[in-house]
């Protein structure tokens, strides 16, 4: 038996397995009926707040059990199994059928790499297989005067209550400051929140193969909008310089503060990579929003 042929066949099968494993899909759920809803997939709440247009990215299973819970509690929940194809974005509409019943109906599909930027009214979330829990602490101070007289001594007590819930699009202070500080051309309309970006980094970092990390990173960026500093952080997740450069080129048109793209230079080890990225940027028409 020819060992070279056997080795070649094994390599081909291995590469195909990696490619298949790295394929992800999106699901868009929207309604035009002005009835906000919450999306639950496989028993896990994905959209933290009731909305009317939601995109879930990073889906790698062939099907998901989708539950739509309306903010209007008088409307019954919708339960439906949605089937997906690799690297395809499926669009489903929440609407009333001819019998007046609320249903979830598939209205279209398109390859993920051909889908445009998210709509301004659309909220994008990376699929999470575990609940997204946030905690908040509320303190209440009560002052009581002894003896019931205005001039009496006072005793102050503070009650602290901690609540938990599914976290959403909370706006961190650094996010707000970045919005106010930057006034140059923008490559995309609304940058990813710090919380959503943290989830993206966790998803990319969880993969062992460099090629899988790059595929997931592109899939996430292609459905979102990043700041330059966030692009730089993703680049540092790659070991190979070629992958860092590949991602930097791809992310350029999905970057909010494009005039700050020079901050990516520190993520490269070789001057040749910086020069190649600059040539790519100069040859690309700078988008403006």
C-alpha atoms as a PDB file:
ATOM      1  CA  UNK A   1       0.000   0.000   0.000  1.00  0.00           C
ATOM      2  CA  UNK A   2       1.270   3.472  -0.883  1.00  0.00           C
ATOM      3  CA  UNK A   3       1.744   5.290   2.429  1.00  0.00           C
ATOM      4  CA  UNK A   4       1.773   8.714   0.745  1.00  0.00           C
ATOM      5  CA  UNK A   5      -1.675   8.118  -0.743  1.00  0.00           C
ATOM      6  CA  UNK A   6      -3.025   6.944   2.596  1.00  0.00           C
ATOM      7  CA  UNK A   7      -1.575   9.982   4.357  1.00  0.00           C
ATOM      8  CA  UNK A   8      -3.029  12.297   1.717  1.00  0.00           C
ATOM      9  CA  UNK A   9      -6.485  10.749   2.116  1.00  0.00           C
ATOM     10  CA  UNK A  10      -6.342  11.109   5.887  1.00  0.00           C
ATOM     11  CA  UNK A  11      -5.369  14.775   5.569  1.00  0.00           C
ATOM     12  CA  UNK A  12      -8.232  15.472   3.164  1.00  0.00           C
ATOM     13  CA  UNK A  13     -10.760  13.850   5.499  1.00  0.00           C
ATOM     14  CA  UNK A  14      -9.327  15.792   8.441  1.00  0.00           C
ATOM     15  CA  UNK A  15      -9.546  19.130   6.620  1.00  0.00           C
ATOM     16  CA  UNK A  16     -13.096  18.429   5.487  1.00  0.00           C
ATOM     17  CA  UNK A  17     -14.055  17.635   9.067  1.00  0.00           C
ATOM     18  CA  UNK A  18     -12.631  20.944  10.250  1.00  0.00           C
ATOM     19  CA  UNK A  19     -14.469  22.848   7.538  1.00  0.00           C
ATOM     20  CA  UNK A  20     -17.763  21.159   8.330  1.00  0.00           C
ATOM     21  CA  UNK A  21     -17.321  21.751  12.054  1.00  0.00           C
ATOM     22  CA  UNK A  22     -16.719  25.462  11.515  1.00  0.00           C
ATOM     23  CA  UNK A  23     -19.918  26.135   9.563  1.00  0.00           C
ATOM     24  CA  UNK A  24     -22.413  28.400  11.296  1.00  0.00           C
ATOM     25  CA  UNK A  25     -25.867  29.746  10.526  1.00  0.00           C
ATOM     26  CA  UNK A  26     -28.014  32.718  11.538  1.00  0.00           C
ATOM     27  CA  UNK A  27     -31.685  33.043  12.391  1.00  0.00           C
ATOM     28  CA  UNK A  28     -33.698  36.248  12.073  1.00  0.00           C
ATOM     29  CA  UNK A  29     -37.079  36.528  13.792  1.00  0.00           C
ATOM     30  CA  UNK A  30     -39.158  39.652  13.244  1.00  0.00           C
ATOM     31  CA  UNK A  31     -42.695  40.953  13.318  1.00  0.00           C
ATOM     32  CA  UNK A  32     -44.495  43.924  11.778  1.00  0.00           C
ATOM     33  CA  UNK A  33     -47.393  43.698  14.217  1.00  0.00           C
ATOM     34  CA  UNK A  34     -45.879  45.937  16.924  1.00  0.00           C
ATOM     35  CA  UNK A  35     -46.040  43.120  19.469  1.00  0.00           C
ATOM     36  CA  UNK A  36     -42.608  42.816  21.160  1.00  0.00           C
ATOM     37  CA  UNK A  37     -41.424  39.310  21.964  1.00  0.00           C
ATOM     38  CA  UNK A  38     -38.579  37.395  23.623  1.00  0.00           C
ATOM     39  CA  UNK A  39     -36.745  34.549  21.854  1.00  0.00           C
ATOM     40  CA  UNK A  40     -35.910  31.295  23.637  1.00  0.00           C
ATOM     41  CA  UNK A  41     -33.909  28.596  21.819  1.00  0.00           C
ATOM     42  CA  UNK A  42     -33.449  25.086  23.174  1.00  0.00           C
ATOM     43  CA  UNK A  43     -34.756  26.329  26.507  1.00  0.00           C
ATOM     44  CA  UNK A  44     -32.245  29.198  26.788  1.00  0.00           C
ATOM     45  CA  UNK A  45     -33.362  32.821  26.561  1.00  0.00           C
ATOM     46  CA  UNK A  46     -31.399  34.568  23.793  1.00  0.00           C
ATOM     47  CA  UNK A  47     -32.929  38.059  23.628  1.00  0.00           C
ATOM     48  CA  UNK A  48     -32.910  39.675  27.085  1.00  0.00           C
ATOM     49  CA  UNK A  49     -35.656  42.187  26.395  1.00  0.00           C
ATOM     50  CA  UNK A  50     -38.881  42.084  24.349  1.00  0.00           C
ATOM     51  CA  UNK A  51     -38.136  43.290  20.807  1.00  0.00           C
ATOM     52  CA  UNK A  52     -39.643  43.145  17.316  1.00  0.00           C
ATOM     53  CA  UNK A  53     -36.562  42.251  15.237  1.00  0.00           C
ATOM     54  CA  UNK A  54     -33.875  39.867  16.497  1.00  0.00           C
ATOM     55  CA  UNK A  55     -30.938  38.108  14.824  1.00  0.00           C
ATOM     56  CA  UNK A  56     -29.236  35.137  16.489  1.00  0.00           C
ATOM     57  CA  UNK A  57     -25.803  34.238  15.080  1.00  0.00           C
ATOM     58  CA  UNK A  58     -23.311  31.433  15.721  1.00  0.00           C
ATOM     59  CA  UNK A  59     -25.786  28.545  15.261  1.00  0.00           C
ATOM     60  CA  UNK A  60     -24.100  25.224  14.463  1.00  0.00           C
ATOM     61  CA  UNK A  61     -26.862  22.647  15.064  1.00  0.00           C
ATOM     62  CA  UNK A  62     -29.180  21.376  12.290  1.00  0.00           C
ATOM     63  CA  UNK A  63     -32.298  22.394  14.219  1.00  0.00           C
ATOM     64  CA  UNK A  64     -33.435  24.423  17.227  1.00  0.00           C
ATOM     65  CA  UNK A  65     -36.597  24.427  19.308  1.00  0.00           C
ATOM     66  CA  UNK A  66     -37.740  28.045  19.216  1.00  0.00           C
ATOM     67  CA  UNK A  67     -40.173  29.586  21.673  1.00  0.00           C
ATOM     68  CA  UNK A  68     -41.569  33.086  21.170  1.00  0.00           C
ATOM     69  CA  UNK A  69     -42.881  34.747  24.341  1.00  0.00           C
ATOM     70  CA  UNK A  70     -44.884  37.929  23.830  1.00  0.00           C
ATOM     71  CA  UNK A  71     -44.619  40.939  26.101  1.00  0.00           C
ATOM     72  CA  UNK A  72     -48.410  41.028  25.863  1.00  0.00           C
ATOM     73  CA  UNK A  73     -49.273  38.148  28.199  1.00  0.00           C
ATOM     74  CA  UNK A  74     -52.711  37.713  26.635  1.00  0.00           C
ATOM     75  CA  UNK A  75     -51.077  36.308  23.473  1.00  0.00           C
ATOM     76  CA  UNK A  76     -50.215  32.577  23.693  1.00  0.00           C
ATOM     77  CA  UNK A  77     -46.567  31.604  23.236  1.00  0.00           C
ATOM     78  CA  UNK A  78     -45.393  30.117  19.933  1.00  0.00           C
ATOM     79  CA  UNK A  79     -43.406  26.867  19.838  1.00  0.00           C
ATOM     80  CA  UNK A  80     -41.745  25.686  16.651  1.00  0.00           C
ATOM     81  CA  UNK A  81     -38.747  23.621  15.545  1.00  0.00           C
ATOM     82  CA  UNK A  82     -36.688  25.516  12.959  1.00  0.00           C
ATOM     83  CA  UNK A  83     -34.336  23.575  10.680  1.00  0.00           C
ATOM     84  CA  UNK A  84     -31.116  25.173   9.440  1.00  0.00           C
ATOM     85  CA  UNK A  85     -28.511  24.602   6.757  1.00  0.00           C
ATOM     86  CA  UNK A  86     -24.802  25.354   7.292  1.00  0.00           C
ATOM     87  CA  UNK A  87     -23.747  28.941   6.491  1.00  0.00           C
ATOM     88  CA  UNK A  88     -27.315  30.004   5.698  1.00  0.00           C
ATOM     89  CA  UNK A  89     -29.331  32.788   7.329  1.00  0.00           C
ATOM     90  CA  UNK A  90     -32.979  31.863   7.832  1.00  0.00           C
ATOM     91  CA  UNK A  91     -35.635  34.560   8.240  1.00  0.00           C
ATOM     92  CA  UNK A  92     -38.851  33.838  10.156  1.00  0.00           C
ATOM     93  CA  UNK A  93     -41.789  36.177  10.667  1.00  0.00           C
ATOM     94  CA  UNK A  94     -44.091  36.342  13.661  1.00  0.00           C
ATOM     95  CA  UNK A  95     -47.591  37.002  12.354  1.00  0.00           C
ATOM     96  CA  UNK A  96     -51.260  36.110  12.522  1.00  0.00           C
ATOM     97  CA  UNK A  97     -52.515  33.425  10.144  1.00  0.00           C
ATOM     98  CA  UNK A  98     -55.900  33.441   8.413  1.00  0.00           C
ATOM     99  CA  UNK A  99     -57.490  31.942  11.528  1.00  0.00           C
ATOM    100  CA  UNK A 100     -56.210  34.798  13.662  1.00  0.00           C
ATOM    101  CA  UNK A 101     -53.633  32.625  15.453  1.00  0.00           C
ATOM    102  CA  UNK A 102     -50.072  33.789  16.032  1.00  0.00           C
ATOM    103  CA  UNK A 103     -47.503  31.654  14.203  1.00  0.00           C
ATOM    104  CA  UNK A 104     -43.797  31.639  13.348  1.00  0.00           C
ATOM    105  CA  UNK A 105     -43.405  31.279   9.600  1.00  0.00           C
ATOM    106  CA  UNK A 106     -40.214  30.975   7.550  1.00  0.00           C
ATOM    107  CA  UNK A 107     -40.152  33.692   4.891  1.00  0.00           C
ATOM    108  CA  UNK A 108     -36.728  33.349   3.301  1.00  0.00           C
ATOM    109  CA  UNK A 109     -33.088  32.291   3.457  1.00  0.00           C
ATOM    110  CA  UNK A 110     -29.754  33.431   2.056  1.00  0.00           C
ATOM    111  CA  UNK A 111     -26.057  32.476   2.345  1.00  0.00           C
ATOM    112  CA  UNK A 112     -24.490  34.095   5.394  1.00  0.00           C
ATOM    113  CA  UNK A 113     -21.670  35.659   3.364  1.00  0.00           C
ATOM    114  CA  UNK A 114     -24.217  37.402   1.115  1.00  0.00           C
ATOM    115  CA  UNK A 115     -26.234  38.952   3.936  1.00  0.00           C
ATOM    116  CA  UNK A 116     -25.824  42.693   4.386  1.00  0.00           C
ATOM    117  CA  UNK A 117     -25.341  44.667   7.580  1.00  0.00           C
ATOM    118  CA  UNK A 118     -27.973  44.373  10.329  1.00  0.00           C
ATOM    119  CA  UNK A 119     -30.887  46.785  10.118  1.00  0.00           C
ATOM    120  CA  UNK A 120     -30.879  49.727  12.512  1.00  0.00           C
ATOM    121  CA  UNK A 121     -33.972  48.323  14.224  1.00  0.00           C
ATOM    122  CA  UNK A 122     -32.421  44.860  14.527  1.00  0.00           C
ATOM    123  CA  UNK A 123     -30.689  43.578  17.655  1.00  0.00           C
ATOM    124  CA  UNK A 124     -28.001  40.934  17.115  1.00  0.00           C
ATOM    125  CA  UNK A 125     -27.022  38.283  19.655  1.00  0.00           C
ATOM    126  CA  UNK A 126     -24.500  35.448  19.541  1.00  0.00           C
ATOM    127  CA  UNK A 127     -26.165  32.152  20.424  1.00  0.00           C
ATOM    128  CA  UNK A 128     -25.533  31.151  24.030  1.00  0.00           C
ATOM    129  CA  UNK A 129     -26.018  27.591  25.284  1.00  0.00           C
ATOM    130  CA  UNK A 130     -26.052  28.815  28.894  1.00  0.00           C
ATOM    131  CA  UNK A 131     -28.206  31.513  30.523  1.00  0.00           C
ATOM    132  CA  UNK A 132     -26.760  35.005  30.448  1.00  0.00           C
ATOM    133  CA  UNK A 133     -27.109  36.099  34.044  1.00  0.00           C
ATOM    134  CA  UNK A 134     -26.225  39.517  35.372  1.00  0.00           C
ATOM    135  CA  UNK A 135     -26.480  40.782  38.908  1.00  0.00           C
ATOM    136  CA  UNK A 136     -27.369  44.251  40.085  1.00  0.00           C
ATOM    137  CA  UNK A 137     -27.252  45.673  43.588  1.00  0.00           C
ATOM    138  CA  UNK A 138     -29.698  48.250  44.890  1.00  0.00           C
ATOM    139  CA  UNK A 139     -29.074  49.987  48.197  1.00  0.00           C
ATOM    140  CA  UNK A 140     -31.732  51.825  50.174  1.00  0.00           C
ATOM    141  CA  UNK A 141     -30.857  54.058  53.134  1.00  0.00           C
ATOM    142  CA  UNK A 142     -33.403  54.740  55.860  1.00  0.00           C
ATOM    143  CA  UNK A 143     -32.939  57.289  58.655  1.00  0.00           C
ATOM    144  CA  UNK A 144     -34.988  56.919  61.846  1.00  0.00           C
ATOM    145  CA  UNK A 145     -34.992  59.536  64.630  1.00  0.00           C
ATOM    146  CA  UNK A 146     -35.255  58.275  68.185  1.00  0.00           C
ATOM    147  CA  UNK A 147     -37.943  59.584  70.500  1.00  0.00           C
ATOM    148  CA  UNK A 148     -40.103  60.627  67.547  1.00  0.00           C
ATOM    149  CA  UNK A 149     -38.879  64.236  67.834  1.00  0.00           C
ATOM    150  CA  UNK A 150     -37.164  66.269  65.106  1.00  0.00           C
ATOM    151  CA  UNK A 151     -34.245  67.012  67.428  1.00  0.00           C
ATOM    152  CA  UNK A 152     -33.688  63.428  68.538  1.00  0.00           C
ATOM    153  CA  UNK A 153     -30.727  61.270  67.671  1.00  0.00           C
ATOM    154  CA  UNK A 154     -30.850  59.515  64.318  1.00  0.00           C
ATOM    155  CA  UNK A 155     -30.043  55.928  63.359  1.00  0.00           C
ATOM    156  CA  UNK A 156     -29.242  55.222  59.720  1.00  0.00           C
ATOM    157  CA  UNK A 157     -29.665  51.766  58.272  1.00  0.00           C
ATOM    158  CA  UNK A 158     -28.785  50.601  54.768  1.00  0.00           C
ATOM    159  CA  UNK A 159     -30.569  47.720  53.100  1.00  0.00           C
ATOM    160  CA  UNK A 160     -28.848  46.051  50.141  1.00  0.00           C
ATOM    161  CA  UNK A 161     -30.744  43.886  47.680  1.00  0.00           C
ATOM    162  CA  UNK A 162     -29.093  41.895  44.891  1.00  0.00           C
ATOM    163  CA  UNK A 163     -31.165  40.819  41.912  1.00  0.00           C
ATOM    164  CA  UNK A 164     -30.294  38.519  39.036  1.00  0.00           C
ATOM    165  CA  UNK A 165     -31.567  38.416  35.503  1.00  0.00           C
ATOM    166  CA  UNK A 166     -30.642  37.808  31.915  1.00  0.00           C
ATOM    167  CA  UNK A 167     -28.241  40.482  30.770  1.00  0.00           C
ATOM    168  CA  UNK A 168     -28.823  42.398  27.589  1.00  0.00           C
ATOM    169  CA  UNK A 169     -27.595  45.500  25.782  1.00  0.00           C
ATOM    170  CA  UNK A 170     -26.398  47.302  28.884  1.00  0.00           C
ATOM    171  CA  UNK A 171     -24.386  50.352  27.883  1.00  0.00           C
ATOM    172  CA  UNK A 172     -21.100  50.454  29.763  1.00  0.00           C
ATOM    173  CA  UNK A 173     -19.447  53.759  30.546  1.00  0.00           C
ATOM    174  CA  UNK A 174     -16.527  53.051  28.191  1.00  0.00           C
ATOM    175  CA  UNK A 175     -18.999  52.382  25.360  1.00  0.00           C
ATOM    176  CA  UNK A 176     -20.714  55.702  25.946  1.00  0.00           C
ATOM    177  CA  UNK A 177     -17.404  57.589  26.150  1.00  0.00           C
ATOM    178  CA  UNK A 178     -16.200  56.072  22.869  1.00  0.00           C
ATOM    179  CA  UNK A 179     -19.407  57.182  21.153  1.00  0.00           C
ATOM    180  CA  UNK A 180     -18.916  60.747  22.347  1.00  0.00           C
ATOM    181  CA  UNK A 181     -15.178  60.903  21.600  1.00  0.00           C
ATOM    182  CA  UNK A 182     -15.152  59.696  17.979  1.00  0.00           C
ATOM    183  CA  UNK A 183     -16.550  61.895  15.190  1.00  0.00           C
ATOM    184  CA  UNK A 184     -14.799  60.582  12.053  1.00  0.00           C
ATOM    185  CA  UNK A 185     -16.072  58.361   9.223  1.00  0.00           C
ATOM    186  CA  UNK A 186     -17.830  55.178  10.301  1.00  0.00           C
ATOM    187  CA  UNK A 187     -17.676  51.795   8.635  1.00  0.00           C
ATOM    188  CA  UNK A 188     -20.883  50.518  10.260  1.00  0.00           C
ATOM    189  CA  UNK A 189     -23.828  52.124  12.057  1.00  0.00           C
ATOM    190  CA  UNK A 190     -23.684  50.826  15.650  1.00  0.00           C
ATOM    191  CA  UNK A 191     -20.690  49.208  17.404  1.00  0.00           C
ATOM    192  CA  UNK A 192     -21.022  45.993  19.393  1.00  0.00           C
ATOM    193  CA  UNK A 193     -21.566  46.466  23.131  1.00  0.00           C
ATOM    194  CA  UNK A 194     -18.770  45.410  25.468  1.00  0.00           C
ATOM    195  CA  UNK A 195     -20.952  42.661  26.914  1.00  0.00           C
ATOM    196  CA  UNK A 196     -21.744  41.151  23.501  1.00  0.00           C
ATOM    197  CA  UNK A 197     -18.093  41.436  22.504  1.00  0.00           C
ATOM    198  CA  UNK A 198     -17.012  39.545  25.625  1.00  0.00           C
ATOM    199  CA  UNK A 199     -19.322  36.715  24.559  1.00  0.00           C
ATOM    200  CA  UNK A 200     -17.837  36.777  21.065  1.00  0.00           C
ATOM    201  CA  UNK A 201     -14.284  36.510  22.398  1.00  0.00           C
ATOM    202  CA  UNK A 202     -15.309  33.596  24.607  1.00  0.00           C
ATOM    203  CA  UNK A 203     -16.865  31.821  21.628  1.00  0.00           C
ATOM    204  CA  UNK A 204     -13.764  32.299  19.451  1.00  0.00           C
ATOM    205  CA  UNK A 205     -11.345  31.322  22.215  1.00  0.00           C
ATOM    206  CA  UNK A 206     -13.198  28.082  22.909  1.00  0.00           C
ATOM    207  CA  UNK A 207     -12.014  26.579  19.602  1.00  0.00           C
ATOM    208  CA  UNK A 208      -8.778  24.616  19.438  1.00  0.00           C
ATOM    209  CA  UNK A 209      -7.966  24.955  15.733  1.00  0.00           C
ATOM    210  CA  UNK A 210      -6.711  28.250  14.352  1.00  0.00           C
ATOM    211  CA  UNK A 211      -8.801  27.816  11.193  1.00  0.00           C
ATOM    212  CA  UNK A 212     -11.976  27.357  13.278  1.00  0.00           C
ATOM    213  CA  UNK A 213     -11.189  30.488  15.275  1.00  0.00           C
ATOM    214  CA  UNK A 214     -10.764  32.504  12.080  1.00  0.00           C
ATOM    215  CA  UNK A 215     -14.015  31.184  10.589  1.00  0.00           C
ATOM    216  CA  UNK A 216     -16.010  31.979  13.717  1.00  0.00           C
ATOM    217  CA  UNK A 217     -14.398  35.419  14.071  1.00  0.00           C
ATOM    218  CA  UNK A 218     -15.356  36.322  10.502  1.00  0.00           C
ATOM    219  CA  UNK A 219     -18.859  34.973  10.972  1.00  0.00           C
ATOM    220  CA  UNK A 220     -19.357  37.082  14.105  1.00  0.00           C
ATOM    221  CA  UNK A 221     -17.855  40.242  12.628  1.00  0.00           C
ATOM    222  CA  UNK A 222     -19.807  39.829   9.396  1.00  0.00           C
ATOM    223  CA  UNK A 223     -23.060  40.102  11.358  1.00  0.00           C
ATOM    224  CA  UNK A 224     -21.969  42.863  13.730  1.00  0.00           C
ATOM    225  CA  UNK A 225     -19.990  46.098  14.041  1.00  0.00           C
ATOM    226  CA  UNK A 226     -16.734  46.442  15.998  1.00  0.00           C
ATOM    227  CA  UNK A 227     -14.485  49.192  17.279  1.00  0.00           C
ATOM    228  CA  UNK A 228     -10.812  49.171  16.274  1.00  0.00           C
ATOM    229  CA  UNK A 229      -9.748  48.201  19.767  1.00  0.00           C
ATOM    230  CA  UNK A 230     -12.103  45.198  19.616  1.00  0.00           C
ATOM    231  CA  UNK A 231     -10.679  44.145  16.244  1.00  0.00           C
ATOM    232  CA  UNK A 232      -7.212  44.316  17.772  1.00  0.00           C
ATOM    233  CA  UNK A 233      -8.271  42.101  20.704  1.00  0.00           C
ATOM    234  CA  UNK A 234      -9.639  39.472  18.324  1.00  0.00           C
ATOM    235  CA  UNK A 235      -6.425  39.552  16.289  1.00  0.00           C
ATOM    236  CA  UNK A 236      -4.437  38.648  19.401  1.00  0.00           C
ATOM    237  CA  UNK A 237      -6.442  35.422  19.683  1.00  0.00           C
ATOM    238  CA  UNK A 238      -4.595  34.124  16.603  1.00  0.00           C
ATOM    239  CA  UNK A 239      -1.140  32.601  16.796  1.00  0.00           C
ATOM    240  CA  UNK A 240      -0.158  32.996  13.154  1.00  0.00           C
ATOM    241  CA  UNK A 241       0.634  36.393  11.650  1.00  0.00           C
ATOM    242  CA  UNK A 242      -1.103  35.464   8.383  1.00  0.00           C
ATOM    243  CA  UNK A 243      -4.403  34.886  10.198  1.00  0.00           C
ATOM    244  CA  UNK A 244      -4.099  38.193  12.044  1.00  0.00           C
ATOM    245  CA  UNK A 245      -3.604  39.964   8.741  1.00  0.00           C
ATOM    246  CA  UNK A 246      -6.430  38.051   7.078  1.00  0.00           C
ATOM    247  CA  UNK A 247      -8.837  38.990   9.860  1.00  0.00           C
ATOM    248  CA  UNK A 248      -7.708  42.637   9.934  1.00  0.00           C
ATOM    249  CA  UNK A 249      -8.469  42.973   6.210  1.00  0.00           C
ATOM    250  CA  UNK A 250     -11.845  41.277   6.550  1.00  0.00           C
ATOM    251  CA  UNK A 251     -12.911  43.342   9.587  1.00  0.00           C
ATOM    252  CA  UNK A 252     -12.133  46.728   8.017  1.00  0.00           C
ATOM    253  CA  UNK A 253     -15.562  47.209   6.420  1.00  0.00           C
ATOM    254  CA  UNK A 254     -17.246  46.107   9.654  1.00  0.00           C
ATOM    255  CA  UNK A 255     -15.375  48.575  11.860  1.00  0.00           C
ATOM    256  CA  UNK A 256     -17.080  51.599  13.366  1.00  0.00           C
ATOM    257  CA  UNK A 257     -14.176  54.019  13.975  1.00  0.00           C
ATOM    258  CA  UNK A 258     -12.236  53.317  10.761  1.00  0.00           C
ATOM    259  CA  UNK A 259      -9.950  56.341  11.208  1.00  0.00           C
ATOM    260  CA  UNK A 260      -8.461  54.595  14.248  1.00  0.00           C
ATOM    261  CA  UNK A 261      -7.418  51.490  12.341  1.00  0.00           C
ATOM    262  CA  UNK A 262      -3.769  52.332  12.959  1.00  0.00           C
ATOM    263  CA  UNK A 263      -4.123  50.903  16.495  1.00  0.00           C
ATOM    264  CA  UNK A 264      -4.013  47.436  14.896  1.00  0.00           C
ATOM    265  CA  UNK A 265      -0.341  47.913  14.043  1.00  0.00           C
ATOM    266  CA  UNK A 266       0.691  46.883  17.557  1.00  0.00           C
ATOM    267  CA  UNK A 267      -0.888  43.455  17.030  1.00  0.00           C
ATOM    268  CA  UNK A 268       1.585  42.603  14.247  1.00  0.00           C
ATOM    269  CA  UNK A 269       5.095  41.265  14.673  1.00  0.00           C
ATOM    270  CA  UNK A 270       6.374  42.140  11.190  1.00  0.00           C
ATOM    271  CA  UNK A 271       6.516  45.484   9.401  1.00  0.00           C
ATOM    272  CA  UNK A 272       5.559  43.735   6.162  1.00  0.00           C
ATOM    273  CA  UNK A 273       2.137  42.906   7.624  1.00  0.00           C
ATOM    274  CA  UNK A 274       1.527  46.540   8.551  1.00  0.00           C
ATOM    275  CA  UNK A 275       2.528  47.659   5.067  1.00  0.00           C
ATOM    276  CA  UNK A 276       0.263  45.089   3.415  1.00  0.00           C
ATOM    277  CA  UNK A 277      -2.688  46.149   5.573  1.00  0.00           C
ATOM    278  CA  UNK A 278      -2.080  49.803   4.709  1.00  0.00           C
ATOM    279  CA  UNK A 279      -2.038  48.954   1.008  1.00  0.00           C
ATOM    280  CA  UNK A 280      -5.322  47.111   1.416  1.00  0.00           C
ATOM    281  CA  UNK A 281      -6.925  50.062   3.241  1.00  0.00           C
ATOM    282  CA  UNK A 282      -5.695  52.568   0.659  1.00  0.00           C
ATOM    283  CA  UNK A 283      -7.126  50.417  -2.119  1.00  0.00           C
ATOM    284  CA  UNK A 284     -10.484  50.140  -0.323  1.00  0.00           C
ATOM    285  CA  UNK A 285     -12.947  52.978  -0.478  1.00  0.00           C
ATOM    286  CA  UNK A 286     -13.525  54.156   3.075  1.00  0.00           C
ATOM    287  CA  UNK A 287     -17.202  53.678   3.961  1.00  0.00           C
ATOM    288  CA  UNK A 288     -18.982  56.560   5.613  1.00  0.00           C
ATOM    289  CA  UNK A 289     -22.111  56.496   7.778  1.00  0.00           C
END
